[in-house]
């Protein structure tokens, strides 16, 4: 049951990240401002990636990380780049907070 809950949590978070990403893309396609939405999507999607990879490692145990044919350890390393590339999570938080506070 615990594994099912982890999978359910991953599914919900992935869908939320997908929705944020689609919203930013839709605004961009419409020629509207999308900086806030893009920062929200990038921040949340990179954190969801870390969450899901961590849960996948828990599900697969030690073999999930050190197994010769396991893609999880590579995903674990590659995921860190997602949080750094095009602005760290901290920078994304500053952008989001600045835009939200500035909107008031």
PDB file of N, CA and C in Angstrom:
ATOM      1  N   UNK A   1       0.823  -1.191   0.000  1.00  0.00           N
ATOM      2  CA  UNK A   1       0.000   0.000   0.000  1.00  0.00           C
ATOM      3  C   UNK A   1       0.870   1.259   0.000  1.00  0.00           C
ATOM      4  N   UNK A   2       1.978   1.241   0.719  1.00  0.00           N
ATOM      5  CA  UNK A   2       2.858   2.407   0.770  1.00  0.00           C
ATOM      6  C   UNK A   2       3.406   2.738  -0.611  1.00  0.00           C
ATOM      7  N   UNK A   3       3.724   1.717  -1.395  1.00  0.00           N
ATOM      8  CA  UNK A   3       4.227   1.946  -2.754  1.00  0.00           C
ATOM      9  C   UNK A   3       3.135   2.550  -3.620  1.00  0.00           C
ATOM     10  N   UNK A   4       1.915   2.078  -3.469  1.00  0.00           N
ATOM     11  CA  UNK A   4       0.808   2.651  -4.239  1.00  0.00           C
ATOM     12  C   UNK A   4       0.624   4.124  -3.903  1.00  0.00           C
ATOM     13  N   UNK A   5       0.768   4.479  -2.643  1.00  0.00           N
ATOM     14  CA  UNK A   5       0.624   5.882  -2.243  1.00  0.00           C
ATOM     15  C   UNK A   5       1.736   6.728  -2.854  1.00  0.00           C
ATOM     16  N   UNK A   6       2.956   6.197  -2.882  1.00  0.00           N
ATOM     17  CA  UNK A   6       4.066   6.933  -3.499  1.00  0.00           C
ATOM     18  C   UNK A   6       3.792   7.167  -4.978  1.00  0.00           C
ATOM     19  N   UNK A   7       3.296   6.130  -5.646  1.00  0.00           N
ATOM     20  CA  UNK A   7       2.991   6.259  -7.070  1.00  0.00           C
ATOM     21  C   UNK A   7       1.865   7.265  -7.282  1.00  0.00           C
ATOM     22  N   UNK A   8       0.861   7.236  -6.430  1.00  0.00           N
ATOM     23  CA  UNK A   8      -0.236   8.205  -6.534  1.00  0.00           C
ATOM     24  C   UNK A   8       0.279   9.628  -6.330  1.00  0.00           C
ATOM     25  N   UNK A   9       1.126   9.828  -5.333  1.00  0.00           N
ATOM     26  CA  UNK A   9       1.695  11.157  -5.086  1.00  0.00           C
ATOM     27  C   UNK A   9       2.513  11.643  -6.276  1.00  0.00           C
ATOM     28  N   UNK A  10       3.294  10.741  -6.862  1.00  0.00           N
ATOM     29  CA  UNK A  10       4.080  11.114  -8.037  1.00  0.00           C
ATOM     30  C   UNK A  10       3.162  11.513  -9.183  1.00  0.00           C
ATOM     31  N   UNK A  11       2.120  10.754  -9.404  1.00  0.00           N
ATOM     32  CA  UNK A  11       1.186  11.023 -10.496  1.00  0.00           C
ATOM     33  C   UNK A  11       0.521  12.390 -10.350  1.00  0.00           C
ATOM     34  N   UNK A  12       0.068  12.707  -9.149  1.00  0.00           N
ATOM     35  CA  UNK A  12      -0.601  13.993  -8.906  1.00  0.00           C
ATOM     36  C   UNK A  12       0.366  15.152  -9.140  1.00  0.00           C
ATOM     37  N   UNK A  13       1.565  15.037  -8.618  1.00  0.00           N
ATOM     38  CA  UNK A  13       2.541  16.119  -8.772  1.00  0.00           C
ATOM     39  C   UNK A  13       2.973  16.287 -10.224  1.00  0.00           C
ATOM     40  N   UNK A  14       3.142  15.181 -10.932  1.00  0.00           N
ATOM     41  CA  UNK A  14       3.503  15.279 -12.346  1.00  0.00           C
ATOM     42  C   UNK A  14       2.414  15.976 -13.150  1.00  0.00           C
ATOM     43  N   UNK A  15       1.171  15.665 -12.866  1.00  0.00           N
ATOM     44  CA  UNK A  15       0.062  16.308 -13.578  1.00  0.00           C
ATOM     45  C   UNK A  15       0.004  17.802 -13.265  1.00  0.00           C
ATOM     46  N   UNK A  16       0.231  18.174 -12.019  1.00  0.00           N
ATOM     47  CA  UNK A  16       0.248  19.592 -11.648  1.00  0.00           C
ATOM     48  C   UNK A  16       1.388  20.324 -12.359  1.00  0.00           C
ATOM     49  N   UNK A  17       2.554  19.696 -12.434  1.00  0.00           N
ATOM     50  CA  UNK A  17       3.684  20.304 -13.144  1.00  0.00           C
ATOM     51  C   UNK A  17       3.363  20.457 -14.625  1.00  0.00           C
ATOM     52  N   UNK A  18       2.731  19.453 -15.191  1.00  0.00           N
ATOM     53  CA  UNK A  18       2.334  19.504 -16.600  1.00  0.00           C
ATOM     54  C   UNK A  18       1.360  20.665 -16.836  1.00  0.00           C
ATOM     55  N   UNK A  19       0.401  20.838 -15.950  1.00  0.00           N
ATOM     56  CA  UNK A  19      -0.580  21.929 -16.091  1.00  0.00           C
ATOM     57  C   UNK A  19       0.094  23.295 -16.026  1.00  0.00           C
ATOM     58  N   UNK A  20       1.021  23.473 -15.088  1.00  0.00           N
ATOM     59  CA  UNK A  20       1.745  24.742 -15.002  1.00  0.00           C
ATOM     60  C   UNK A  20       2.539  25.008 -16.276  1.00  0.00           C
ATOM     61  N   UNK A  21       3.164  23.970 -16.799  1.00  0.00           N
ATOM     62  CA  UNK A  21       3.956  24.110 -18.018  1.00  0.00           C
ATOM     63  C   UNK A  21       3.073  24.462 -19.206  1.00  0.00           C
ATOM     64  N   UNK A  22       1.946  23.778 -19.341  1.00  0.00           N
ATOM     65  CA  UNK A  22       1.016  24.077 -20.437  1.00  0.00           C
ATOM     66  C   UNK A  22       0.466  25.494 -20.337  1.00  0.00           C
ATOM     67  N   UNK A  23       0.214  25.956 -19.120  1.00  0.00           N
ATOM     68  CA  UNK A  23      -0.297  27.320 -18.951  1.00  0.00           C
ATOM     69  C   UNK A  23       0.729  28.336 -19.448  1.00  0.00           C
ATOM     70  N   UNK A  24       1.986  28.157 -19.060  1.00  0.00           N
ATOM     71  CA  UNK A  24       3.038  29.071 -19.515  1.00  0.00           C
ATOM     72  C   UNK A  24       3.183  29.018 -21.033  1.00  0.00           C
ATOM     73  N   UNK A  25       3.139  27.823 -21.601  1.00  0.00           N
ATOM     74  CA  UNK A  25       3.268  27.675 -23.054  1.00  0.00           C
ATOM     75  C   UNK A  25       2.091  28.307 -23.789  1.00  0.00           C
ATOM     76  N   UNK A  26       0.901  28.155 -23.246  1.00  0.00           N
ATOM     77  CA  UNK A  26      -0.293  28.745 -23.862  1.00  0.00           C
ATOM     78  C   UNK A  26      -0.199  30.267 -23.874  1.00  0.00           C
ATOM     79  N   UNK A  27       0.249  30.847 -22.765  1.00  0.00           N
ATOM     80  CA  UNK A  27       0.416  32.299 -22.708  1.00  0.00           C
ATOM     81  C   UNK A  27       1.462  32.771 -23.714  1.00  0.00           C
ATOM     82  N   UNK A  28       2.574  32.038 -23.804  1.00  0.00           N
ATOM     83  CA  UNK A  28       3.614  32.409 -24.766  1.00  0.00           C
ATOM     84  C   UNK A  28       3.080  32.328 -26.190  1.00  0.00           C
ATOM     85  N   UNK A  29       2.385  31.257 -26.508  1.00  0.00           N
ATOM     86  CA  UNK A  29       1.821  31.096 -27.850  1.00  0.00           C
ATOM     87  C   UNK A  29       0.845  32.213 -28.195  1.00  0.00           C
ATOM     88  N   UNK A  30       0.154  32.738 -27.180  1.00  0.00           N
ATOM     89  CA  UNK A  30      -0.819  33.814 -27.393  1.00  0.00           C
ATOM     90  C   UNK A  30      -0.153  35.190 -27.413  1.00  0.00           C
ATOM     91  N   UNK A  31       1.166  35.218 -27.237  1.00  0.00           N
ATOM     92  CA  UNK A  31       1.883  36.484 -27.257  1.00  0.00           C
ATOM     93  C   UNK A  31       1.712  37.302 -25.987  1.00  0.00           C
ATOM     94  N   UNK A  32       1.304  36.657 -24.914  1.00  0.00           N
ATOM     95  CA  UNK A  32       1.101  37.352 -23.641  1.00  0.00           C
ATOM     96  C   UNK A  32       2.325  37.173 -22.743  1.00  0.00           C
ATOM     97  N   UNK A  33       2.391  37.984 -21.701  1.00  0.00           N
ATOM     98  CA  UNK A  33       3.478  37.855 -20.735  1.00  0.00           C
ATOM     99  C   UNK A  33       3.343  36.510 -20.019  1.00  0.00           C
ATOM    100  N   UNK A  34       4.472  35.842 -19.854  1.00  0.00           N
ATOM    101  CA  UNK A  34       4.434  34.516 -19.228  1.00  0.00           C
ATOM    102  C   UNK A  34       5.605  34.279 -18.285  1.00  0.00           C
ATOM    103  N   UNK A  35       6.301  35.342 -17.904  1.00  0.00           N
ATOM    104  CA  UNK A  35       7.476  35.189 -17.049  1.00  0.00           C
ATOM    105  C   UNK A  35       7.132  34.525 -15.718  1.00  0.00           C
ATOM    106  N   UNK A  36       6.078  34.995 -15.073  1.00  0.00           N
ATOM    107  CA  UNK A  36       5.674  34.417 -13.789  1.00  0.00           C
ATOM    108  C   UNK A  36       5.333  32.941 -13.946  1.00  0.00           C
ATOM    109  N   UNK A  37       4.508  32.640 -14.923  1.00  0.00           N
ATOM    110  CA  UNK A  37       4.069  31.251 -15.130  1.00  0.00           C
ATOM    111  C   UNK A  37       5.235  30.346 -15.522  1.00  0.00           C
ATOM    112  N   UNK A  38       6.169  30.861 -16.315  1.00  0.00           N
ATOM    113  CA  UNK A  38       7.331  30.059 -16.698  1.00  0.00           C
ATOM    114  C   UNK A  38       8.206  29.767 -15.481  1.00  0.00           C
ATOM    115  N   UNK A  39       8.395  30.765 -14.629  1.00  0.00           N
ATOM    116  CA  UNK A  39       9.187  30.551 -13.411  1.00  0.00           C
ATOM    117  C   UNK A  39       8.499  29.565 -12.476  1.00  0.00           C
ATOM    118  N   UNK A  40       7.186  29.692 -12.347  1.00  0.00           N
ATOM    119  CA  UNK A  40       6.440  28.746 -11.509  1.00  0.00           C
ATOM    120  C   UNK A  40       6.570  27.328 -12.056  1.00  0.00           C
ATOM    121  N   UNK A  41       6.421  27.184 -13.358  1.00  0.00           N
ATOM    122  CA  UNK A  41       6.500  25.859 -13.980  1.00  0.00           C
ATOM    123  C   UNK A  41       7.888  25.259 -13.819  1.00  0.00           C
ATOM    124  N   UNK A  42       8.932  26.063 -14.047  1.00  0.00           N
ATOM    125  CA  UNK A  42      10.290  25.554 -13.946  1.00  0.00           C
ATOM    126  C   UNK A  42      10.618  25.143 -12.516  1.00  0.00           C
ATOM    127  N   UNK A  43      10.252  25.991 -11.571  1.00  0.00           N
ATOM    128  CA  UNK A  43      10.513  25.677 -10.166  1.00  0.00           C
ATOM    129  C   UNK A  43       9.796  24.394  -9.758  1.00  0.00           C
ATOM    130  N   UNK A  44       8.515  24.334 -10.030  1.00  0.00           N
ATOM    131  CA  UNK A  44       7.733  23.191  -9.575  1.00  0.00           C
ATOM    132  C   UNK A  44       8.134  21.907 -10.305  1.00  0.00           C
ATOM    133  N   UNK A  45       8.331  21.987 -11.610  1.00  0.00           N
ATOM    134  CA  UNK A  45       8.690  20.784 -12.374  1.00  0.00           C
ATOM    135  C   UNK A  45      10.033  20.222 -11.931  1.00  0.00           C
ATOM    136  N   UNK A  46      11.010  21.090 -11.661  1.00  0.00           N
ATOM    137  CA  UNK A  46      12.312  20.579 -11.223  1.00  0.00           C
ATOM    138  C   UNK A  46      12.216  19.954  -9.833  1.00  0.00           C
ATOM    139  N   UNK A  47      11.382  20.528  -8.970  1.00  0.00           N
ATOM    140  CA  UNK A  47      11.207  19.937  -7.644  1.00  0.00           C
ATOM    141  C   UNK A  47      10.414  18.632  -7.706  1.00  0.00           C
ATOM    142  N   UNK A  48       9.458  18.562  -8.604  1.00  0.00           N
ATOM    143  CA  UNK A  48       8.706  17.319  -8.794  1.00  0.00           C
ATOM    144  C   UNK A  48       9.623  16.225  -9.341  1.00  0.00           C
ATOM    145  N   UNK A  49      10.520  16.593 -10.236  1.00  0.00           N
ATOM    146  CA  UNK A  49      11.468  15.604 -10.761  1.00  0.00           C
ATOM    147  C   UNK A  49      12.299  15.018  -9.626  1.00  0.00           C
ATOM    148  N   UNK A  50      12.796  15.882  -8.745  1.00  0.00           N
ATOM    149  CA  UNK A  50      13.579  15.403  -7.602  1.00  0.00           C
ATOM    150  C   UNK A  50      12.731  14.494  -6.710  1.00  0.00           C
ATOM    151  N   UNK A  51      11.502  14.915  -6.439  1.00  0.00           N
ATOM    152  CA  UNK A  51      10.591  14.132  -5.601  1.00  0.00           C
ATOM    153  C   UNK A  51      10.348  12.747  -6.209  1.00  0.00           C
ATOM    154  N   UNK A  52      10.046  12.709  -7.501  1.00  0.00           N
ATOM    155  CA  UNK A  52       9.726  11.436  -8.157  1.00  0.00           C
ATOM    156  C   UNK A  52      10.933  10.509  -8.234  1.00  0.00           C
ATOM    157  N   UNK A  53      12.097  11.070  -8.503  1.00  0.00           N
ATOM    158  CA  UNK A  53      13.298  10.234  -8.560  1.00  0.00           C
ATOM    159  C   UNK A  53      13.616   9.682  -7.173  1.00  0.00           C
ATOM    160  N   UNK A  54      13.443  10.503  -6.156  1.00  0.00           N
ATOM    161  CA  UNK A  54      13.655  10.038  -4.787  1.00  0.00           C
ATOM    162  C   UNK A  54      12.699   8.895  -4.452  1.00  0.00           C
ATOM    163  N   UNK A  55      11.436   9.039  -4.829  1.00  0.00           N
ATOM    164  CA  UNK A  55      10.455   7.985  -4.558  1.00  0.00           C
ATOM    165  C   UNK A  55      10.772   6.720  -5.365  1.00  0.00           C
ATOM    166  N   UNK A  56      11.206   6.892  -6.596  1.00  0.00           N
ATOM    167  CA  UNK A  56      11.577   5.728  -7.410  1.00  0.00           C
ATOM    168  C   UNK A  56      12.730   4.973  -6.763  1.00  0.00           C
ATOM    169  N   UNK A  57      13.687   5.714  -6.203  1.00  0.00           N
ATOM    170  CA  UNK A  57      14.790   5.071  -5.504  1.00  0.00           C
ATOM    171  C   UNK A  57      14.302   4.316  -4.279  1.00  0.00           C
ATOM    172  N   UNK A  58      13.366   4.898  -3.553  1.00  0.00           N
ATOM    173  CA  UNK A  58      12.816   4.215  -2.383  1.00  0.00           C
ATOM    174  C   UNK A  58      12.088   2.938  -2.788  1.00  0.00           C
ATOM    175  N   UNK A  59      11.345   3.010  -3.863  1.00  0.00           N
ATOM    176  CA  UNK A  59      10.596   1.844  -4.332  1.00  0.00           C
ATOM    177  C   UNK A  59      11.535   0.719  -4.744  1.00  0.00           C
ATOM    178  N   UNK A  60      12.623   1.075  -5.422  1.00  0.00           N
ATOM    179  CA  UNK A  60      13.545   0.063  -5.937  1.00  0.00           C
ATOM    180  C   UNK A  60      14.642  -0.312  -4.949  1.00  0.00           C
ATOM    181  N   UNK A  61      14.735   0.410  -3.851  1.00  0.00           N
ATOM    182  CA  UNK A  61      15.756   0.102  -2.857  1.00  0.00           C
ATOM    183  C   UNK A  61      17.151   0.422  -3.364  1.00  0.00           C
ATOM    184  N   UNK A  62      18.149  -0.181  -2.741  1.00  0.00           N
ATOM    185  CA  UNK A  62      19.536   0.071  -3.103  1.00  0.00           C
ATOM    186  C   UNK A  62      19.841  -0.238  -4.550  1.00  0.00           C
ATOM    187  N   UNK A  63      19.187  -1.246  -5.093  1.00  0.00           N
ATOM    188  CA  UNK A  63      19.425  -1.606  -6.490  1.00  0.00           C
ATOM    189  C   UNK A  63      19.023  -0.471  -7.427  1.00  0.00           C
ATOM    190  N   UNK A  64      18.060   0.318  -7.009  1.00  0.00           N
ATOM    191  CA  UNK A  64      17.631   1.436  -7.837  1.00  0.00           C
ATOM    192  C   UNK A  64      18.727   2.449  -8.064  1.00  0.00           C
ATOM    193  N   UNK A  65      19.679   2.518  -7.146  1.00  0.00           N
ATOM    194  CA  UNK A  65      20.760   3.481  -7.297  1.00  0.00           C
ATOM    195  C   UNK A  65      22.029   2.855  -7.834  1.00  0.00           C
ATOM    196  N   UNK A  66      22.368   1.667  -7.361  1.00  0.00           N
ATOM    197  CA  UNK A  66      23.650   1.087  -7.747  1.00  0.00           C
ATOM    198  C   UNK A  66      23.526  -0.019  -8.783  1.00  0.00           C
ATOM    199  N   UNK A  67      22.323  -0.371  -9.155  1.00  0.00           N
ATOM    200  CA  UNK A  67      22.148  -1.434 -10.140  1.00  0.00           C
ATOM    201  C   UNK A  67      22.791  -1.074 -11.467  1.00  0.00           C
ATOM    202  N   UNK A  68      23.462  -2.039 -12.053  1.00  0.00           N
ATOM    203  CA  UNK A  68      24.204  -1.799 -13.290  1.00  0.00           C
ATOM    204  C   UNK A  68      23.311  -1.306 -14.422  1.00  0.00           C
ATOM    205  N   UNK A  69      22.097  -1.788 -14.489  1.00  0.00           N
ATOM    206  CA  UNK A  69      21.217  -1.430 -15.595  1.00  0.00           C
ATOM    207  C   UNK A  69      20.093  -0.482 -15.169  1.00  0.00           C
ATOM    208  N   UNK A  70      20.222   0.103 -14.010  1.00  0.00           N
ATOM    209  CA  UNK A  70      19.179   0.990 -13.500  1.00  0.00           C
ATOM    210  C   UNK A  70      19.358   2.407 -14.034  1.00  0.00           C
ATOM    211  N   UNK A  71      18.314   2.964 -14.652  1.00  0.00           N
ATOM    212  CA  UNK A  71      18.414   4.351 -15.122  1.00  0.00           C
ATOM    213  C   UNK A  71      18.221   5.360 -13.988  1.00  0.00           C
ATOM    214  N   UNK A  72      17.837   4.889 -12.813  1.00  0.00           N
ATOM    215  CA  UNK A  72      17.495   5.810 -11.730  1.00  0.00           C
ATOM    216  C   UNK A  72      18.701   6.614 -11.269  1.00  0.00           C
ATOM    217  N   UNK A  73      19.858   5.983 -11.163  1.00  0.00           N
ATOM    218  CA  UNK A  73      21.021   6.732 -10.687  1.00  0.00           C
ATOM    219  C   UNK A  73      21.417   7.818 -11.674  1.00  0.00           C
ATOM    220  N   UNK A  74      21.283   7.565 -12.972  1.00  0.00           N
ATOM    221  CA  UNK A  74      21.576   8.603 -13.969  1.00  0.00           C
ATOM    222  C   UNK A  74      20.539   9.718 -13.887  1.00  0.00           C
ATOM    223  N   UNK A  75      19.278   9.359 -13.736  1.00  0.00           N
ATOM    224  CA  UNK A  75      18.230  10.368 -13.581  1.00  0.00           C
ATOM    225  C   UNK A  75      18.478  11.212 -12.338  1.00  0.00           C
ATOM    226  N   UNK A  76      18.947  10.576 -11.287  1.00  0.00           N
ATOM    227  CA  UNK A  76      19.223  11.289 -10.041  1.00  0.00           C
ATOM    228  C   UNK A  76      20.286  12.359 -10.266  1.00  0.00           C
ATOM    229  N   UNK A  77      21.338  11.999 -11.005  1.00  0.00           N
ATOM    230  CA  UNK A  77      22.397  12.969 -11.309  1.00  0.00           C
ATOM    231  C   UNK A  77      21.902  14.043 -12.267  1.00  0.00           C
ATOM    232  N   UNK A  78      21.195  13.637 -13.316  1.00  0.00           N
ATOM    233  CA  UNK A  78      20.713  14.587 -14.322  1.00  0.00           C
ATOM    234  C   UNK A  78      19.689  15.558 -13.753  1.00  0.00           C
ATOM    235  N   UNK A  79      18.909  15.111 -12.799  1.00  0.00           N
ATOM    236  CA  UNK A  79      17.869  15.959 -12.216  1.00  0.00           C
ATOM    237  C   UNK A  79      18.456  17.194 -11.576  1.00  0.00           C
ATOM    238  N   UNK A  80      19.607  17.068 -10.980  1.00  0.00           N
ATOM    239  CA  UNK A  80      20.224  18.222 -10.311  1.00  0.00           C
ATOM    240  C   UNK A  80      20.457  19.361 -11.301  1.00  0.00           C
ATOM    241  N   UNK A  81      20.785  19.005 -12.525  1.00  0.00           N
ATOM    242  CA  UNK A  81      20.995  20.019 -13.559  1.00  0.00           C
ATOM    243  C   UNK A  81      19.702  20.788 -13.817  1.00  0.00           C
ATOM    244  N   UNK A  82      18.562  20.122 -13.733  1.00  0.00           N
ATOM    245  CA  UNK A  82      17.273  20.790 -13.956  1.00  0.00           C
ATOM    246  C   UNK A  82      17.054  21.937 -12.983  1.00  0.00           C
ATOM    247  N   UNK A  83      17.542  21.772 -11.761  1.00  0.00           N
ATOM    248  CA  UNK A  83      17.346  22.815 -10.757  1.00  0.00           C
ATOM    249  C   UNK A  83      18.323  23.975 -10.936  1.00  0.00           C
ATOM    250  N   UNK A  84      19.364  23.771 -11.708  1.00  0.00           N
ATOM    251  CA  UNK A  84      20.383  24.800 -11.901  1.00  0.00           C
ATOM    252  C   UNK A  84      20.247  25.487 -13.259  1.00  0.00           C
ATOM    253  N   UNK A  85      19.963  24.732 -14.291  1.00  0.00           N
ATOM    254  CA  UNK A  85      19.911  25.241 -15.655  1.00  0.00           C
ATOM    255  C   UNK A  85      18.850  26.330 -15.789  1.00  0.00           C
ATOM    256  N   UNK A  86      19.181  27.404 -16.445  1.00  0.00           N
ATOM    257  CA  UNK A  86      18.265  28.541 -16.655  1.00  0.00           C
ATOM    258  C   UNK A  86      17.767  29.142 -15.348  1.00  0.00           C
ATOM    259  N   UNK A  87      18.608  29.147 -14.334  1.00  0.00           N
ATOM    260  CA  UNK A  87      18.239  29.772 -13.063  1.00  0.00           C
ATOM    261  C   UNK A  87      17.942  28.743 -12.000  1.00  0.00           C
ATOM    262  N   UNK A  88      18.627  28.876 -10.886  1.00  0.00           N
ATOM    263  CA  UNK A  88      18.416  27.936  -9.788  1.00  0.00           C
ATOM    264  C   UNK A  88      17.008  28.084  -9.222  1.00  0.00           C
ATOM    265  N   UNK A  89      16.628  27.124  -8.418  1.00  0.00           N
ATOM    266  CA  UNK A  89      15.315  27.186  -7.774  1.00  0.00           C
ATOM    267  C   UNK A  89      15.194  28.441  -6.915  1.00  0.00           C
ATOM    268  N   UNK A  90      16.296  28.837  -6.294  1.00  0.00           N
ATOM    269  CA  UNK A  90      16.270  30.044  -5.465  1.00  0.00           C
ATOM    270  C   UNK A  90      16.003  31.282  -6.321  1.00  0.00           C
ATOM    271  N   UNK A  91      16.623  31.348  -7.487  1.00  0.00           N
ATOM    272  CA  UNK A  91      16.393  32.473  -8.404  1.00  0.00           C
ATOM    273  C   UNK A  91      14.939  32.469  -8.869  1.00  0.00           C
ATOM    274  N   UNK A  92      14.411  31.301  -9.181  1.00  0.00           N
ATOM    275  CA  UNK A  92      13.010  31.220  -9.604  1.00  0.00           C
ATOM    276  C   UNK A  92      12.090  31.728  -8.493  1.00  0.00           C
ATOM    277  N   UNK A  93      12.412  31.402  -7.266  1.00  0.00           N
ATOM    278  CA  UNK A  93      11.605  31.878  -6.132  1.00  0.00           C
ATOM    279  C   UNK A  93      11.660  33.404  -6.018  1.00  0.00           C
ATOM    280  N   UNK A  94      12.843  33.981  -6.249  1.00  0.00           N
ATOM    281  CA  UNK A  94      12.968  35.442  -6.217  1.00  0.00           C
ATOM    282  C   UNK A  94      12.141  36.090  -7.323  1.00  0.00           C
ATOM    283  N   UNK A  95      12.189  35.509  -8.513  1.00  0.00           N
ATOM    284  CA  UNK A  95      11.404  36.033  -9.637  1.00  0.00           C
ATOM    285  C   UNK A  95       9.915  35.965  -9.310  1.00  0.00           C
ATOM    286  N   UNK A  96       9.479  34.813  -8.833  1.00  0.00           N
ATOM    287  CA  UNK A  96       8.055  34.620  -8.512  1.00  0.00           C
ATOM    288  C   UNK A  96       7.616  35.593  -7.417  1.00  0.00           C
ATOM    289  N   UNK A  97       8.371  35.655  -6.337  1.00  0.00           N
ATOM    290  CA  UNK A  97       8.000  36.539  -5.228  1.00  0.00           C
ATOM    291  C   UNK A  97       7.979  37.991  -5.676  1.00  0.00           C
ATOM    292  N   UNK A  98       8.976  38.396  -6.441  1.00  0.00           N
ATOM    293  CA  UNK A  98       9.019  39.776  -6.919  1.00  0.00           C
ATOM    294  C   UNK A  98       7.819  40.127  -7.773  1.00  0.00           C
ATOM    295  N   UNK A  99       7.425  39.206  -8.633  1.00  0.00           N
ATOM    296  CA  UNK A  99       6.278  39.470  -9.501  1.00  0.00           C
ATOM    297  C   UNK A  99       4.968  39.444  -8.715  1.00  0.00           C
ATOM    298  N   UNK A 100       4.842  38.540  -7.772  1.00  0.00           N
ATOM    299  CA  UNK A 100       3.610  38.460  -6.981  1.00  0.00           C
ATOM    300  C   UNK A 100       3.482  39.689  -6.078  1.00  0.00           C
ATOM    301  N   UNK A 101       4.562  40.060  -5.415  1.00  0.00           N
ATOM    302  CA  UNK A 101       4.530  41.235  -4.537  1.00  0.00           C
ATOM    303  C   UNK A 101       4.340  42.507  -5.357  1.00  0.00           C
ATOM    304  N   UNK A 102       5.008  42.570  -6.498  1.00  0.00           N
ATOM    305  CA  UNK A 102       4.891  43.745  -7.359  1.00  0.00           C
ATOM    306  C   UNK A 102       3.511  43.909  -7.964  1.00  0.00           C
ATOM    307  N   UNK A 103       2.766  42.821  -8.043  1.00  0.00           N
ATOM    308  CA  UNK A 103       1.427  42.865  -8.649  1.00  0.00           C
ATOM    309  C   UNK A 103       0.403  43.483  -7.715  1.00  0.00           C
ATOM    310  N   UNK A 104       0.735  43.600  -6.453  1.00  0.00           N
ATOM    311  CA  UNK A 104      -0.233  44.132  -5.480  1.00  0.00           C
ATOM    312  C   UNK A 104      -0.301  45.621  -5.520  1.00  0.00           C
TER     313      UNK A 104
END
